[in-house]
PDB file of N, CA and C in Angstrom:
ATOM      1  N   MET A   1       4.229  -3.831  -1.512  1.00  0.00           N
ATOM      2  CA  MET A   1       3.330  -4.512  -0.606  1.00  0.00           C
ATOM      3  C   MET A   1       2.094  -3.656  -0.320  1.00  0.00           C
ATOM      4  N   SER A   2       2.310  -2.369  -0.119  1.00  0.00           N
ATOM      5  CA  SER A   2       1.159  -1.511   0.187  1.00  0.00           C
ATOM      6  C   SER A   2       0.194  -1.433  -0.996  1.00  0.00           C
ATOM      7  N   GLY A   3       0.712  -1.559  -2.218  1.00  0.00           N
ATOM      8  CA  GLY A   3      -0.154  -1.564  -3.393  1.00  0.00           C
ATOM      9  C   GLY A   3      -1.110  -2.734  -3.390  1.00  0.00           C
ATOM     10  N   MET A   4      -0.662  -3.845  -2.843  1.00  0.00           N
ATOM     11  CA  MET A   4      -1.531  -5.016  -2.767  1.00  0.00           C
ATOM     12  C   MET A   4      -2.642  -4.795  -1.735  1.00  0.00           C
ATOM     13  N   PHE A   5      -2.345  -4.050  -0.665  1.00  0.00           N
ATOM     14  CA  PHE A   5      -3.380  -3.749   0.322  1.00  0.00           C
ATOM     15  C   PHE A   5      -4.505  -2.935  -0.309  1.00  0.00           C
ATOM     16  N   TYR A   6      -4.173  -2.003  -1.181  1.00  0.00           N
ATOM     17  CA  TYR A   6      -5.201  -1.230  -1.874  1.00  0.00           C
ATOM     18  C   TYR A   6      -6.123  -2.159  -2.663  1.00  0.00           C
ATOM     19  N   GLN A   7      -5.543  -3.172  -3.290  1.00  0.00           N
ATOM     20  CA  GLN A   7      -6.354  -4.108  -4.058  1.00  0.00           C
ATOM     21  C   GLN A   7      -7.265  -4.916  -3.141  1.00  0.00           C
ATOM     22  N   VAL A   8      -6.742  -5.321  -1.975  1.00  0.00           N
ATOM     23  CA  VAL A   8      -7.551  -6.079  -1.015  1.00  0.00           C
ATOM     24  C   VAL A   8      -8.734  -5.238  -0.549  1.00  0.00           C
ATOM     25  N   TYR A   9      -8.480  -3.989  -0.190  1.00  0.00           N
ATOM     26  CA  TYR A   9      -9.550  -3.111   0.286  1.00  0.00           C
ATOM     27  C   TYR A   9     -10.543  -2.781  -0.821  1.00  0.00           C
ATOM     28  N   ASP A  10     -10.092  -2.884  -2.076  1.00  0.00           N
ATOM     29  CA  ASP A  10     -10.973  -2.615  -3.207  1.00  0.00           C
ATOM     30  C   ASP A  10     -11.817  -3.834  -3.567  1.00  0.00           C
ATOM     31  N   GLY A  11     -11.562  -4.972  -2.901  1.00  0.00           N
ATOM     32  CA  GLY A  11     -12.377  -6.161  -3.107  1.00  0.00           C
ATOM     33  C   GLY A  11     -11.842  -7.140  -4.134  1.00  0.00           C
ATOM     34  N   VAL A  12     -10.578  -7.001  -4.558  1.00  0.00           N
ATOM     35  CA  VAL A  12      -9.994  -7.936  -5.522  1.00  0.00           C
ATOM     36  C   VAL A  12      -9.826  -9.293  -4.847  1.00  0.00           C
ATOM     37  N   ASP A  13     -10.192 -10.351  -5.547  1.00  0.00           N
ATOM     38  CA  ASP A  13     -10.050 -11.714  -5.041  1.00  0.00           C
ATOM     39  C   ASP A  13      -8.581 -11.995  -4.732  1.00  0.00           C
ATOM     40  N   ALA A  14      -8.307 -12.655  -3.625  1.00  0.00           N
ATOM     41  CA  ALA A  14      -6.934 -12.932  -3.185  1.00  0.00           C
ATOM     42  C   ALA A  14      -6.126 -13.679  -4.241  1.00  0.00           C
ATOM     43  N   GLU A  15      -6.765 -14.511  -5.022  1.00  0.00           N
ATOM     44  CA  GLU A  15      -6.069 -15.266  -6.067  1.00  0.00           C
ATOM     45  C   GLU A  15      -5.665 -14.380  -7.247  1.00  0.00           C
ATOM     46  N   LYS A  16      -6.264 -13.195  -7.349  1.00  0.00           N
ATOM     47  CA  LYS A  16      -5.995 -12.317  -8.486  1.00  0.00           C
ATOM     48  C   LYS A  16      -5.129 -11.108  -8.128  1.00  0.00           C
ATOM     49  N   LEU A  17      -4.660 -11.048  -6.874  1.00  0.00           N
ATOM     50  CA  LEU A  17      -3.800  -9.929  -6.473  1.00  0.00           C
ATOM     51  C   LEU A  17      -2.531  -9.946  -7.295  1.00  0.00           C
ATOM     52  N   ASN A  18      -2.159  -8.786  -7.815  1.00  0.00           N
ATOM     53  CA  ASN A  18      -0.966  -8.684  -8.643  1.00  0.00           C
ATOM     54  C   ASN A  18      -0.460  -7.253  -8.600  1.00  0.00           C
ATOM     55  N   MET A  19       0.860  -7.115  -8.554  1.00  0.00           N
ATOM     56  CA  MET A  19       1.452  -5.786  -8.562  1.00  0.00           C
ATOM     57  C   MET A  19       2.802  -5.865  -9.256  1.00  0.00           C
ATOM     58  N   THR A  20       3.084  -4.887 -10.098  1.00  0.00           N
ATOM     59  CA  THR A  20       4.365  -4.791 -10.793  1.00  0.00           C
ATOM     60  C   THR A  20       5.028  -3.486 -10.393  1.00  0.00           C
ATOM     61  N   ILE A  21       6.294  -3.580  -9.984  1.00  0.00           N
ATOM     62  CA  ILE A  21       7.077  -2.397  -9.645  1.00  0.00           C
ATOM     63  C   ILE A  21       8.173  -2.267 -10.685  1.00  0.00           C
ATOM     64  N   GLU A  22       8.227  -1.110 -11.317  1.00  0.00           N
ATOM     65  CA  GLU A  22       9.271  -0.835 -12.304  1.00  0.00           C
ATOM     66  C   GLU A  22      10.233   0.197 -11.732  1.00  0.00           C
ATOM     67  N   THR A  23      11.526  -0.079 -11.825  1.00  0.00           N
ATOM     68  CA  THR A  23      12.552   0.862 -11.409  1.00  0.00           C
ATOM     69  C   THR A  23      12.977   1.632 -12.643  1.00  0.00           C
ATOM     70  N   VAL A  24      12.847   2.970 -12.578  1.00  0.00           N
ATOM     71  CA  VAL A  24      13.055   3.813 -13.750  1.00  0.00           C
ATOM     72  C   VAL A  24      14.198   4.797 -13.494  1.00  0.00           C
ATOM     73  N   ASP A  25      15.075   4.929 -14.474  1.00  0.00           N
ATOM     74  CA  ASP A  25      16.130   5.942 -14.429  1.00  0.00           C
ATOM     75  C   ASP A  25      15.471   7.297 -14.638  1.00  0.00           C
ATOM     76  N   GLN A  26      15.562   8.163 -13.650  1.00  0.00           N
ATOM     77  CA  GLN A  26      14.856   9.438 -13.701  1.00  0.00           C
ATOM     78  C   GLN A  26      15.335  10.325 -14.851  1.00  0.00           C
ATOM     79  N   SER A  27      16.618  10.277 -15.167  1.00  0.00           N
ATOM     80  CA  SER A  27      17.134  11.177 -16.203  1.00  0.00           C
ATOM     81  C   SER A  27      16.812  10.708 -17.619  1.00  0.00           C
ATOM     82  N   THR A  28      16.723   9.381 -17.831  1.00  0.00           N
ATOM     83  CA  THR A  28      16.477   8.882 -19.187  1.00  0.00           C
ATOM     84  C   THR A  28      15.080   8.312 -19.377  1.00  0.00           C
ATOM     85  N   GLY A  29      14.412   7.963 -18.265  1.00  0.00           N
ATOM     86  CA  GLY A  29      13.104   7.335 -18.359  1.00  0.00           C
ATOM     87  C   GLY A  29      13.175   5.850 -18.671  1.00  0.00           C
ATOM     88  N   GLU A  30      14.387   5.304 -18.725  1.00  0.00           N
ATOM     89  CA  GLU A  30      14.571   3.892 -19.047  1.00  0.00           C
ATOM     90  C   GLU A  30      14.222   3.018 -17.846  1.00  0.00           C
ATOM     91  N   VAL A  31      13.420   1.959 -18.098  1.00  0.00           N
ATOM     92  CA  VAL A  31      13.098   0.981 -17.066  1.00  0.00           C
ATOM     93  C   VAL A  31      14.256  -0.006 -17.000  1.00  0.00           C
ATOM     94  N   PHE A  32      14.886  -0.110 -15.819  1.00  0.00           N
ATOM     95  CA  PHE A  32      16.020  -1.015 -15.704  1.00  0.00           C
ATOM     96  C   PHE A  32      15.801  -2.134 -14.698  1.00  0.00           C
ATOM     97  N   GLY A  33      14.628  -2.214 -14.149  1.00  0.00           N
ATOM     98  CA  GLY A  33      14.303  -3.306 -13.241  1.00  0.00           C
ATOM     99  C   GLY A  33      12.809  -3.446 -13.098  1.00  0.00           C
ATOM    100  N   THR A  34      12.349  -4.689 -13.029  1.00  0.00           N
ATOM    101  CA  THR A  34      10.928  -4.975 -12.861  1.00  0.00           C
ATOM    102  C   THR A  34      10.768  -6.117 -11.872  1.00  0.00           C
ATOM    103  N   ILE A  35       9.844  -5.937 -10.927  1.00  0.00           N
ATOM    104  CA  ILE A  35       9.531  -6.984  -9.961  1.00  0.00           C
ATOM    105  C   ILE A  35       8.026  -7.201 -10.007  1.00  0.00           C
ATOM    106  N   ASP A  36       7.627  -8.454 -10.143  1.00  0.00           N
ATOM    107  CA  ASP A  36       6.210  -8.811 -10.153  1.00  0.00           C
ATOM    108  C   ASP A  36       5.877  -9.546  -8.865  1.00  0.00           C
ATOM    109  N   TYR A  37       4.847  -9.057  -8.179  1.00  0.00           N
ATOM    110  CA  TYR A  37       4.370  -9.722  -6.975  1.00  0.00           C
ATOM    111  C   TYR A  37       3.012 -10.314  -7.255  1.00  0.00           C
ATOM    112  N   PRO A  38       2.662 -11.468  -6.787  1.00  0.00           N
ATOM    113  CA  PRO A  38       3.291 -12.268  -5.747  1.00  0.00           C
ATOM    114  C   PRO A  38       4.346 -13.248  -6.267  1.00  0.00           C
ATOM    115  N   GLU A  39       4.645 -13.257  -7.551  1.00  0.00           N
ATOM    116  CA  GLU A  39       5.637 -14.191  -8.080  1.00  0.00           C
ATOM    117  C   GLU A  39       6.998 -14.043  -7.378  1.00  0.00           C
ATOM    118  N   ALA A  40       7.369 -12.830  -7.019  1.00  0.00           N
ATOM    119  CA  ALA A  40       8.657 -12.596  -6.353  1.00  0.00           C
ATOM    120  C   ALA A  40       8.698 -13.298  -5.001  1.00  0.00           C
ATOM    121  N   PHE A  41       7.568 -13.369  -4.306  1.00  0.00           N
ATOM    122  CA  PHE A  41       7.512 -14.080  -3.031  1.00  0.00           C
ATOM    123  C   PHE A  41       7.725 -15.570  -3.245  1.00  0.00           C
ATOM    124  N   GLU A  42       7.148 -16.108  -4.315  1.00  0.00           N
ATOM    125  CA  GLU A  42       7.299 -17.536  -4.605  1.00  0.00           C
ATOM    126  C   GLU A  42       8.740 -17.875  -4.951  1.00  0.00           C
ATOM    127  N   ASP A  43       9.442 -16.972  -5.638  1.00  0.00           N
ATOM    128  CA  ASP A  43      10.829 -17.199  -6.020  1.00  0.00           C
ATOM    129  C   ASP A  43      11.765 -17.195  -4.812  1.00  0.00           C
ATOM    130  N   MET A  44      11.369 -16.500  -3.734  1.00  0.00           N
ATOM    131  CA  MET A  44      12.191 -16.433  -2.540  1.00  0.00           C
ATOM    132  C   MET A  44      12.197 -17.745  -1.769  1.00  0.00           C
ATOM    133  N   ALA A  45      11.177 -18.555  -1.946  1.00  0.00           N
ATOM    134  CA  ALA A  45      11.049 -19.815  -1.192  1.00  0.00           C
ATOM    135  C   ALA A  45      11.992 -20.878  -1.661  1.00  0.00           C
TER     136      ALA A  45
END
């Protein structure tokens, strides 16, 4: 969520706000989870 605030303060249009969070295994570097916002908010509804 805070990453999206940076985009707002940087002047990104509200319709173009986007953020991807990847969960990474520290020991292997493997990405084992990805969440895309704002799509994740829409899926919660």
